[in-house]
Amino acid sequence: MHHSVRSTFMPPYQSIEECVISFAPGAWRDCTYSFGSPHQGGLHMGMADGAVRFVSENINLSTWRYLGSMGDGEVLGEF
């Protein structure tokens, strides 16, 4: 089953298995709505301005969440 909704609430992951191991039982439900990639070290993300950036799997969680929100007035700088 494919989902068309993704969220930056959970951090990025390399695999569903890695995500589930990292969190509490039942977290797989949250993991299926997170962004992830098999690329080692992070994932490629398409930005609203059309840019594509590689985002580290070690990105600060607050920064990651700000990337997923719009109109909040946050200036992120480099990440």
Protein backbone atom coordinates (compact mmCIF):
# COMPACT_ATOMS: atom_id res chain seq x y z
CA MET A 1 0.00 0.00 0.00
CA HIS A 2 1.34 3.45 -0.91
CA HIS A 3 0.72 6.62 1.03
CA SER A 4 0.62 10.03 -0.57
CA VAL A 5 1.08 11.90 2.70
CA ARG A 6 4.50 12.40 4.26
CA SER A 7 5.51 14.33 7.35
CA THR A 8 8.67 15.77 8.87
CA PHE A 9 7.45 14.91 12.37
CA MET A 10 9.65 11.79 12.47
CA PRO A 11 13.32 12.07 11.41
CA PRO A 12 14.44 10.75 8.00
CA TYR A 13 15.39 7.07 7.81
CA GLN A 14 17.23 4.66 5.50
CA SER A 15 14.67 1.88 5.83
CA ILE A 16 11.36 1.14 7.51
CA GLU A 17 13.15 -1.52 9.58
CA GLU A 18 15.69 1.03 10.86
CA CYS A 19 12.91 3.45 11.73
CA VAL A 20 10.88 0.84 13.61
CA ILE A 21 13.91 -0.34 15.59
CA SER A 22 14.66 3.26 16.61
CA PHE A 23 11.26 3.95 18.13
CA ALA A 24 8.66 2.40 20.39
CA PRO A 25 6.53 -0.61 19.42
CA GLY A 26 3.82 0.42 16.96
CA ALA A 27 6.02 3.20 15.57
CA TRP A 28 5.93 1.59 12.12
CA ARG A 29 2.69 3.47 11.57
CA ASP A 30 4.55 6.76 12.01
CA CYS A 31 7.49 5.51 9.96
CA THR A 32 5.32 4.85 6.92
CA TYR A 33 4.49 8.56 6.84
CA SER A 34 8.10 9.72 7.23
CA PHE A 35 10.56 10.50 4.46
CA GLY A 36 13.26 7.95 3.86
CA SER A 37 15.75 6.69 1.33
CA PRO A 38 18.11 3.77 0.80
CA HIS A 39 20.91 6.30 0.12
CA GLN A 40 23.60 6.04 2.75
CA GLY A 41 23.78 9.07 5.03
CA GLY A 42 20.53 10.80 4.10
CA LEU A 43 18.05 11.46 1.33
CA HIS A 44 17.45 13.71 -1.66
CA MET A 45 14.60 16.16 -1.12
CA GLY A 46 12.76 18.27 -3.66
CA MET A 47 12.26 21.79 -2.30
CA ALA A 48 9.34 24.10 -3.03
CA ASP A 49 11.58 26.36 -5.14
CA GLY A 50 12.44 23.44 -7.44
CA ALA A 51 15.88 22.78 -5.95
CA VAL A 52 16.94 19.26 -4.99
CA ARG A 53 19.12 18.96 -1.89
CA PHE A 54 20.74 16.06 -0.10
CA VAL A 55 19.60 16.13 3.53
CA SER A 56 21.69 14.31 6.13
CA GLU A 57 20.02 11.61 8.20
CA ASN A 58 21.64 13.41 11.16
CA ILE A 59 19.84 16.70 10.53
CA ASN A 60 18.75 18.53 13.66
CA LEU A 61 15.16 17.45 14.34
CA SER A 62 13.94 21.04 14.84
CA THR A 63 15.47 22.07 11.50
CA TRP A 64 13.91 19.02 9.83
CA ARG A 65 10.50 19.94 11.19
CA TYR A 66 10.87 23.58 10.10
CA LEU A 67 11.63 22.35 6.58
CA GLY A 68 8.23 20.67 6.56
CA SER A 69 6.24 23.72 7.60
CA MET A 70 5.39 26.76 5.55
CA GLY A 71 4.63 30.32 6.43
CA ASP A 72 6.15 30.04 9.90
CA GLY A 73 8.70 32.82 9.33
CA GLU A 74 11.70 30.67 10.30
CA VAL A 75 14.97 31.40 8.49
CA LEU A 76 16.96 28.18 8.35
CA GLY A 77 20.20 29.10 6.62
CA GLU A 78 22.43 26.12 5.80
CA PHE A 79 21.47 22.64 6.94
